[in-house]
Amino acid sequence: MTSTLHDEEYRAFIIRLIALRKATGVTQAQLAARIGKPQSYVSKSERFERRVDPAEFRLIVLALGHDPAAVFAEISEHLRSSS
């Protein structure tokens, strides 16, 4: 089975999450503390070494102070317009 970690759309999804974290002014360590995980958890997610599932996406976006539905819609629109 082919790993989806390196799928072009998944990579674009994570890149948008990284941009959101940075735009919010939150470090990997700060985000990790907010979600109760080690910094390596965030780092591995951002380096495409572990997959972010929908529940984790929601937790991360809430920890960054944003609305998960709005962020998902933005990411979906970005993916739609780039394909």
PDB file of N, CA and C in Angstrom:
ATOM      1  N   MET A   1       0.839  -1.175   0.000  1.00  0.00           N
ATOM      2  CA  MET A   1       0.000   0.000   0.000  1.00  0.00           C
ATOM      3  C   MET A   1       0.886   1.241   0.000  1.00  0.00           C
ATOM      4  N   THR A   2       0.546   2.214  -0.816  1.00  0.00           N
ATOM      5  CA  THR A   2       1.305   3.455  -0.917  1.00  0.00           C
ATOM      6  C   THR A   2       0.965   4.373   0.247  1.00  0.00           C
ATOM      7  N   SER A   3       1.991   4.973   0.838  1.00  0.00           N
ATOM      8  CA  SER A   3       1.784   5.907   1.934  1.00  0.00           C
ATOM      9  C   SER A   3       1.195   7.198   1.402  1.00  0.00           C
ATOM     10  N   THR A   4       0.217   7.729   2.118  1.00  0.00           N
ATOM     11  CA  THR A   4      -0.383   8.996   1.712  1.00  0.00           C
ATOM     12  C   THR A   4       0.326  10.181   2.360  1.00  0.00           C
ATOM     13  N   LEU A   5       1.337   9.932   3.155  1.00  0.00           N
ATOM     14  CA  LEU A   5       2.081  11.016   3.792  1.00  0.00           C
ATOM     15  C   LEU A   5       2.732  11.926   2.769  1.00  0.00           C
ATOM     16  N   HIS A   6       3.050  11.380   1.610  1.00  0.00           N
ATOM     17  CA  HIS A   6       3.747  12.164   0.596  1.00  0.00           C
ATOM     18  C   HIS A   6       2.845  12.534  -0.576  1.00  0.00           C
ATOM     19  N   ASP A   7       1.553  12.293  -0.423  1.00  0.00           N
ATOM     20  CA  ASP A   7       0.580  12.694  -1.416  1.00  0.00           C
ATOM     21  C   ASP A   7       0.604  14.221  -1.547  1.00  0.00           C
ATOM     22  N   GLU A   8       0.543  14.713  -2.771  1.00  0.00           N
ATOM     23  CA  GLU A   8       0.641  16.152  -3.027  1.00  0.00           C
ATOM     24  C   GLU A   8      -0.419  16.962  -2.260  1.00  0.00           C
ATOM     25  N   GLU A   9      -1.647  16.474  -2.232  1.00  0.00           N
ATOM     26  CA  GLU A   9      -2.706  17.196  -1.523  1.00  0.00           C
ATOM     27  C   GLU A   9      -2.494  17.152  -0.016  1.00  0.00           C
ATOM     28  N   TYR A  10      -2.027  16.015   0.504  1.00  0.00           N
ATOM     29  CA  TYR A  10      -1.768  15.936   1.946  1.00  0.00           C
ATOM     30  C   TYR A  10      -0.646  16.891   2.327  1.00  0.00           C
ATOM     31  N   ARG A  11       0.391  16.952   1.508  1.00  0.00           N
ATOM     32  CA  ARG A  11       1.504  17.870   1.782  1.00  0.00           C
ATOM     33  C   ARG A  11       1.000  19.316   1.790  1.00  0.00           C
ATOM     34  N   ALA A  12       0.146  19.673   0.838  1.00  0.00           N
ATOM     35  CA  ALA A  12      -0.411  21.030   0.788  1.00  0.00           C
ATOM     36  C   ALA A  12      -1.238  21.310   2.038  1.00  0.00           C
ATOM     37  N   PHE A  13      -1.969  20.315   2.513  1.00  0.00           N
ATOM     38  CA  PHE A  13      -2.769  20.424   3.732  1.00  0.00           C
ATOM     39  C   PHE A  13      -1.879  20.749   4.932  1.00  0.00           C
ATOM     40  N   ILE A  14      -0.801  20.008   5.086  1.00  0.00           N
ATOM     41  CA  ILE A  14       0.109  20.231   6.218  1.00  0.00           C
ATOM     42  C   ILE A  14       0.828  21.567   6.077  1.00  0.00           C
ATOM     43  N   ILE A  15       1.223  21.917   4.877  1.00  0.00           N
ATOM     44  CA  ILE A  15       1.887  23.205   4.660  1.00  0.00           C
ATOM     45  C   ILE A  15       0.970  24.346   5.089  1.00  0.00           C
ATOM     46  N   ARG A  16      -0.326  24.224   4.820  1.00  0.00           N
ATOM     47  CA  ARG A  16      -1.280  25.249   5.252  1.00  0.00           C
ATOM     48  C   ARG A  16      -1.401  25.277   6.774  1.00  0.00           C
ATOM     49  N   LEU A  17      -1.349  24.124   7.424  1.00  0.00           N
ATOM     50  CA  LEU A  17      -1.391  24.094   8.894  1.00  0.00           C
ATOM     51  C   LEU A  17      -0.139  24.739   9.487  1.00  0.00           C
ATOM     52  N   ILE A  18       1.003  24.478   8.883  1.00  0.00           N
ATOM     53  CA  ILE A  18       2.255  25.102   9.338  1.00  0.00           C
ATOM     54  C   ILE A  18       2.147  26.617   9.192  1.00  0.00           C
ATOM     55  N   ALA A  19       1.637  27.068   8.054  1.00  0.00           N
ATOM     56  CA  ALA A  19       1.490  28.511   7.824  1.00  0.00           C
ATOM     57  C   ALA A  19       0.549  29.131   8.855  1.00  0.00           C
ATOM     58  N   LEU A  20      -0.514  28.434   9.198  1.00  0.00           N
ATOM     59  CA  LEU A  20      -1.444  28.924  10.211  1.00  0.00           C
ATOM     60  C   LEU A  20      -0.753  29.043  11.565  1.00  0.00           C
ATOM     61  N   ARG A  21       0.022  28.014  11.926  1.00  0.00           N
ATOM     62  CA  ARG A  21       0.739  28.051  13.206  1.00  0.00           C
ATOM     63  C   ARG A  21       1.695  29.236  13.246  1.00  0.00           C
ATOM     64  N   LYS A  22       2.449  29.405  12.190  1.00  0.00           N
ATOM     65  CA  LYS A  22       3.420  30.498  12.146  1.00  0.00           C
ATOM     66  C   LYS A  22       2.737  31.860  12.129  1.00  0.00           C
ATOM     67  N   ALA A  23       1.650  31.995  11.367  1.00  0.00           N
ATOM     68  CA  ALA A  23       0.920  33.261  11.306  1.00  0.00           C
ATOM     69  C   ALA A  23       0.321  33.633  12.660  1.00  0.00           C
ATOM     70  N   THR A  24       0.021  32.604  13.442  1.00  0.00           N
ATOM     71  CA  THR A  24      -0.530  32.820  14.774  1.00  0.00           C
ATOM     72  C   THR A  24       0.576  33.175  15.764  1.00  0.00           C
ATOM     73  N   GLY A  25       1.834  32.977  15.357  1.00  0.00           N
ATOM     74  CA  GLY A  25       2.963  33.301  16.225  1.00  0.00           C
ATOM     75  C   GLY A  25       3.225  32.264  17.295  1.00  0.00           C
ATOM     76  N   VAL A  26       2.895  31.012  16.987  1.00  0.00           N
ATOM     77  CA  VAL A  26       3.039  29.911  17.938  1.00  0.00           C
ATOM     78  C   VAL A  26       4.173  29.001  17.481  1.00  0.00           C
ATOM     79  N   THR A  27       5.075  28.656  18.391  1.00  0.00           N
ATOM     80  CA  THR A  27       6.154  27.727  18.067  1.00  0.00           C
ATOM     81  C   THR A  27       5.639  26.293  18.146  1.00  0.00           C
ATOM     82  N   GLN A  28       6.436  25.379  17.613  1.00  0.00           N
ATOM     83  CA  GLN A  28       6.080  23.962  17.732  1.00  0.00           C
ATOM     84  C   GLN A  28       5.950  23.566  19.195  1.00  0.00           C
ATOM     85  N   ALA A  29       6.866  24.026  20.027  1.00  0.00           N
ATOM     86  CA  ALA A  29       6.843  23.681  21.451  1.00  0.00           C
ATOM     87  C   ALA A  29       5.592  24.229  22.136  1.00  0.00           C
ATOM     88  N   GLN A  30       5.208  25.452  21.798  1.00  0.00           N
ATOM     89  CA  GLN A  30       4.007  26.039  22.383  1.00  0.00           C
ATOM     90  C   GLN A  30       2.761  25.282  21.952  1.00  0.00           C
ATOM     91  N   LEU A  31       2.686  24.934  20.666  1.00  0.00           N
ATOM     92  CA  LEU A  31       1.536  24.172  20.176  1.00  0.00           C
ATOM     93  C   LEU A  31       1.476  22.818  20.867  1.00  0.00           C
ATOM     94  N   ALA A  32       2.612  22.165  20.970  1.00  0.00           N
ATOM     95  CA  ALA A  32       2.656  20.855  21.630  1.00  0.00           C
ATOM     96  C   ALA A  32       2.138  20.959  23.060  1.00  0.00           C
ATOM     97  N   ALA A  33       2.556  21.982  23.781  1.00  0.00           N
ATOM     98  CA  ALA A  33       2.102  22.161  25.163  1.00  0.00           C
ATOM     99  C   ALA A  33       0.588  22.382  25.210  1.00  0.00           C
ATOM    100  N   ARG A  34       0.081  23.130  24.267  1.00  0.00           N
ATOM    101  CA  ARG A  34      -1.362  23.420  24.229  1.00  0.00           C
ATOM    102  C   ARG A  34      -2.200  22.172  23.970  1.00  0.00           C
ATOM    103  N   ILE A  35      -1.646  21.226  23.219  1.00  0.00           N
ATOM    104  CA  ILE A  35      -2.416  20.014  22.907  1.00  0.00           C
ATOM    105  C   ILE A  35      -1.994  18.820  23.761  1.00  0.00           C
ATOM    106  N   GLY A  36      -1.076  19.058  24.670  1.00  0.00           N
ATOM    107  CA  GLY A  36      -0.674  18.006  25.595  1.00  0.00           C
ATOM    108  C   GLY A  36       0.182  16.917  24.979  1.00  0.00           C
ATOM    109  N   LYS A  37       0.991  17.294  24.019  1.00  0.00           N
ATOM    110  CA  LYS A  37       1.877  16.341  23.338  1.00  0.00           C
ATOM    111  C   LYS A  37       3.307  16.845  23.417  1.00  0.00           C
ATOM    112  N   PRO A  38       4.295  15.971  23.170  1.00  0.00           N
ATOM    113  CA  PRO A  38       5.686  16.433  23.120  1.00  0.00           C
ATOM    114  C   PRO A  38       5.939  17.232  21.828  1.00  0.00           C
ATOM    115  N   GLN A  39       6.947  18.069  21.852  1.00  0.00           N
ATOM    116  CA  GLN A  39       7.291  18.879  20.688  1.00  0.00           C
ATOM    117  C   GLN A  39       7.579  17.998  19.484  1.00  0.00           C
ATOM    118  N   SER A  40       8.142  16.826  19.697  1.00  0.00           N
ATOM    119  CA  SER A  40       8.467  15.923  18.589  1.00  0.00           C
ATOM    120  C   SER A  40       7.210  15.486  17.826  1.00  0.00           C
ATOM    121  N   TYR A  41       6.071  15.435  18.503  1.00  0.00           N
ATOM    122  CA  TYR A  41       4.795  15.093  17.865  1.00  0.00           C
ATOM    123  C   TYR A  41       4.467  16.119  16.776  1.00  0.00           C
ATOM    124  N   VAL A  42       4.601  17.404  17.116  1.00  0.00           N
ATOM    125  CA  VAL A  42       4.330  18.467  16.145  1.00  0.00           C
ATOM    126  C   VAL A  42       5.379  18.438  15.036  1.00  0.00           C
ATOM    127  N   SER A  43       6.630  18.282  15.417  1.00  0.00           N
ATOM    128  CA  SER A  43       7.715  18.256  14.446  1.00  0.00           C
ATOM    129  C   SER A  43       7.533  17.123  13.442  1.00  0.00           C
ATOM    130  N   LYS A  44       7.226  15.942  13.910  1.00  0.00           N
ATOM    131  CA  LYS A  44       7.050  14.798  13.005  1.00  0.00           C
ATOM    132  C   LYS A  44       5.860  14.999  12.078  1.00  0.00           C
ATOM    133  N   SER A  45       4.810  15.622  12.598  1.00  0.00           N
ATOM    134  CA  SER A  45       3.651  15.914  11.750  1.00  0.00           C
ATOM    135  C   SER A  45       4.030  16.889  10.648  1.00  0.00           C
ATOM    136  N   GLU A  46       4.787  17.920  11.016  1.00  0.00           N
ATOM    137  CA  GLU A  46       5.161  18.951  10.053  1.00  0.00           C
ATOM    138  C   GLU A  46       6.244  18.491   9.080  1.00  0.00           C
ATOM    139  N   ARG A  47       6.955  17.430   9.410  1.00  0.00           N
ATOM    140  CA  ARG A  47       7.974  16.875   8.508  1.00  0.00           C
ATOM    141  C   ARG A  47       7.446  15.681   7.727  1.00  0.00           C
ATOM    142  N   PHE A  48       6.137  15.479   7.796  1.00  0.00           N
ATOM    143  CA  PHE A  48       5.469  14.390   7.060  1.00  0.00           C
ATOM    144  C   PHE A  48       5.932  13.005   7.515  1.00  0.00           C
ATOM    145  N   GLU A  49       6.262  12.890   8.786  1.00  0.00           N
ATOM    146  CA  GLU A  49       6.664  11.592   9.337  1.00  0.00           C
ATOM    147  C   GLU A  49       5.523  10.909  10.078  1.00  0.00           C
ATOM    148  N   ARG A  50       4.468  11.652  10.363  1.00  0.00           N
ATOM    149  CA  ARG A  50       3.269  11.077  10.966  1.00  0.00           C
ATOM    150  C   ARG A  50       2.063  11.806  10.399  1.00  0.00           C
ATOM    151  N   ARG A  51       0.996  11.078  10.265  1.00  0.00           N
ATOM    152  CA  ARG A  51      -0.223  11.614   9.665  1.00  0.00           C
ATOM    153  C   ARG A  51      -1.097  12.293  10.722  1.00  0.00           C
ATOM    154  N   VAL A  52      -1.704  13.410  10.348  1.00  0.00           N
ATOM    155  CA  VAL A  52      -2.645  14.113  11.221  1.00  0.00           C
ATOM    156  C   VAL A  52      -4.051  13.639  10.852  1.00  0.00           C
ATOM    157  N   ASP A  53      -4.764  13.082  11.825  1.00  0.00           N
ATOM    158  CA  ASP A  53      -6.127  12.624  11.544  1.00  0.00           C
ATOM    159  C   ASP A  53      -7.118  13.763  11.814  1.00  0.00           C
ATOM    160  N   PRO A  54      -8.386  13.603  11.445  1.00  0.00           N
ATOM    161  CA  PRO A  54      -9.357  14.691  11.604  1.00  0.00           C
ATOM    162  C   PRO A  54      -9.497  15.200  13.044  1.00  0.00           C
ATOM    163  N   ALA A  55      -9.478  14.303  14.015  1.00  0.00           N
ATOM    164  CA  ALA A  55      -9.597  14.736  15.411  1.00  0.00           C
ATOM    165  C   ALA A  55      -8.378  15.556  15.829  1.00  0.00           C
ATOM    166  N   GLU A  56      -7.201  15.158  15.367  1.00  0.00           N
ATOM    167  CA  GLU A  56      -5.979  15.914  15.667  1.00  0.00           C
ATOM    168  C   GLU A  56      -6.007  17.274  14.977  1.00  0.00           C
ATOM    169  N   PHE A  57      -6.490  17.305  13.740  1.00  0.00           N
ATOM    170  CA  PHE A  57      -6.628  18.561  13.011  1.00  0.00           C
ATOM    171  C   PHE A  57      -7.484  19.528  13.824  1.00  0.00           C
ATOM    172  N   ARG A  58      -8.624  19.047  14.293  1.00  0.00           N
ATOM    173  CA  ARG A  58      -9.535  19.885  15.079  1.00  0.00           C
ATOM    174  C   ARG A  58      -8.849  20.398  16.334  1.00  0.00           C
ATOM    175  N   LEU A  59      -8.171  19.524  17.049  1.00  0.00           N
ATOM    176  CA  LEU A  59      -7.470  19.894  18.271  1.00  0.00           C
ATOM    177  C   LEU A  59      -6.393  20.945  18.001  1.00  0.00           C
ATOM    178  N   ILE A  60      -5.628  20.748  16.956  1.00  0.00           N
ATOM    179  CA  ILE A  60      -4.546  21.678  16.596  1.00  0.00           C
ATOM    180  C   ILE A  60      -5.114  23.052  16.247  1.00  0.00           C
ATOM    181  N   VAL A  61      -6.126  23.070  15.410  1.00  0.00           N
ATOM    182  CA  VAL A  61      -6.695  24.347  14.969  1.00  0.00           C
ATOM    183  C   VAL A  61      -7.334  25.089  16.141  1.00  0.00           C
ATOM    184  N   LEU A  62      -8.038  24.370  17.001  1.00  0.00           N
ATOM    185  CA  LEU A  62      -8.600  25.015  18.190  1.00  0.00           C
ATOM    186  C   LEU A  62      -7.497  25.568  19.088  1.00  0.00           C
ATOM    187  N   ALA A  63      -6.410  24.827  19.228  1.00  0.00           N
ATOM    188  CA  ALA A  63      -5.283  25.279  20.052  1.00  0.00           C
ATOM    189  C   ALA A  63      -4.629  26.527  19.485  1.00  0.00           C
ATOM    190  N   LEU A  64      -4.782  26.731  18.181  1.00  0.00           N
ATOM    191  CA  LEU A  64      -4.247  27.932  17.532  1.00  0.00           C
ATOM    192  C   LEU A  64      -5.255  29.080  17.556  1.00  0.00           C
ATOM    193  N   GLY A  65      -6.434  28.826  18.134  1.00  0.00           N
ATOM    194  CA  GLY A  65      -7.435  29.878  18.277  1.00  0.00           C
ATOM    195  C   GLY A  65      -8.282  30.139  17.045  1.00  0.00           C
ATOM    196  N   HIS A  66      -8.422  29.124  16.210  1.00  0.00           N
ATOM    197  CA  HIS A  66      -9.192  29.286  14.974  1.00  0.00           C
ATOM    198  C   HIS A  66     -10.344  28.287  14.931  1.00  0.00           C
ATOM    199  N   ASP A  67     -11.257  28.526  14.018  1.00  0.00           N
ATOM    200  CA  ASP A  67     -12.415  27.662  13.821  1.00  0.00           C
ATOM    201  C   ASP A  67     -12.046  26.536  12.854  1.00  0.00           C
ATOM    202  N   PRO A  68     -12.110  25.289  13.306  1.00  0.00           N
ATOM    203  CA  PRO A  68     -11.724  24.171  12.428  1.00  0.00           C
ATOM    204  C   PRO A  68     -12.517  24.118  11.115  1.00  0.00           C
ATOM    205  N   ALA A  69     -13.807  24.408  11.158  1.00  0.00           N
ATOM    206  CA  ALA A  69     -14.618  24.355   9.935  1.00  0.00           C
ATOM    207  C   ALA A  69     -14.147  25.414   8.943  1.00  0.00           C
ATOM    208  N   ALA A  70     -13.853  26.597   9.429  1.00  0.00           N
ATOM    209  CA  ALA A  70     -13.398  27.684   8.548  1.00  0.00           C
ATOM    210  C   ALA A  70     -12.026  27.364   7.962  1.00  0.00           C
ATOM    211  N   VAL A  71     -11.143  26.832   8.784  1.00  0.00           N
ATOM    212  CA  VAL A  71      -9.796  26.497   8.304  1.00  0.00           C
ATOM    213  C   VAL A  71      -9.876  25.357   7.295  1.00  0.00           C
ATOM    214  N   PHE A  72     -10.709  24.358   7.574  1.00  0.00           N
ATOM    215  CA  PHE A  72     -10.854  23.254   6.626  1.00  0.00           C
ATOM    216  C   PHE A  72     -11.410  23.765   5.299  1.00  0.00           C
ATOM    217  N   ALA A  73     -12.388  24.660   5.357  1.00  0.00           N
ATOM    218  CA  ALA A  73     -12.955  25.228   4.123  1.00  0.00           C
ATOM    219  C   ALA A  73     -11.884  25.999   3.354  1.00  0.00           C
ATOM    220  N   GLU A  74     -11.044  26.745   4.062  1.00  0.00           N
ATOM    221  CA  GLU A  74      -9.969  27.491   3.407  1.00  0.00           C
ATOM    222  C   GLU A  74      -8.977  26.542   2.737  1.00  0.00           C
ATOM    223  N   ILE A  75      -8.601  25.491   3.445  1.00  0.00           N
ATOM    224  CA  ILE A  75      -7.665  24.519   2.878  1.00  0.00           C
ATOM    225  C   ILE A  75      -8.297  23.830   1.660  1.00  0.00           C
ATOM    226  N   SER A  76      -9.562  23.460   1.774  1.00  0.00           N
ATOM    227  CA  SER A  76     -10.257  22.809   0.656  1.00  0.00           C
ATOM    228  C   SER A  76     -10.297  23.710  -0.561  1.00  0.00           C
ATOM    229  N   GLU A  77     -10.584  24.995  -0.343  1.00  0.00           N
ATOM    230  CA  GLU A  77     -10.624  25.943  -1.462  1.00  0.00           C
ATOM    231  C   GLU A  77      -9.241  26.094  -2.083  1.00  0.00           C
ATOM    232  N   HIS A  78      -8.226  26.167  -1.250  1.00  0.00           N
ATOM    233  CA  HIS A  78      -6.846  26.267  -1.755  1.00  0.00           C
ATOM    234  C   HIS A  78      -6.502  25.045  -2.613  1.00  0.00           C
ATOM    235  N   LEU A  79      -6.854  23.862  -2.137  1.00  0.00           N
ATOM    236  CA  LEU A  79      -6.573  22.641  -2.895  1.00  0.00           C
ATOM    237  C   LEU A  79      -7.367  22.608  -4.202  1.00  0.00           C
ATOM    238  N   ARG A  80      -8.616  23.049  -4.141  1.00  0.00           N
ATOM    239  CA  ARG A  80      -9.458  23.062  -5.340  1.00  0.00           C
ATOM    240  C   ARG A  80      -8.900  24.023  -6.391  1.00  0.00           C
ATOM    241  N   SER A  81      -8.464  25.202  -5.939  1.00  0.00           N
ATOM    242  CA  SER A  81      -7.974  26.192  -6.890  1.00  0.00           C
ATOM    243  C   SER A  81      -6.575  25.873  -7.430  1.00  0.00           C
ATOM    244  N   SER A  82      -5.839  25.040  -6.704  1.00  0.00           N
ATOM    245  CA  SER A  82      -4.491  24.702  -7.169  1.00  0.00           C
ATOM    246  C   SER A  82      -4.448  23.446  -8.027  1.00  0.00           C
ATOM    247  N   SER A  83      -5.594  22.758  -8.152  1.00  0.00           N
ATOM    248  CA  SER A  83      -5.572  21.541  -8.983  1.00  0.00           C
ATOM    249  C   SER A  83      -6.100  21.769 -10.357  1.00  0.00           C
TER     250      SER A  83
END
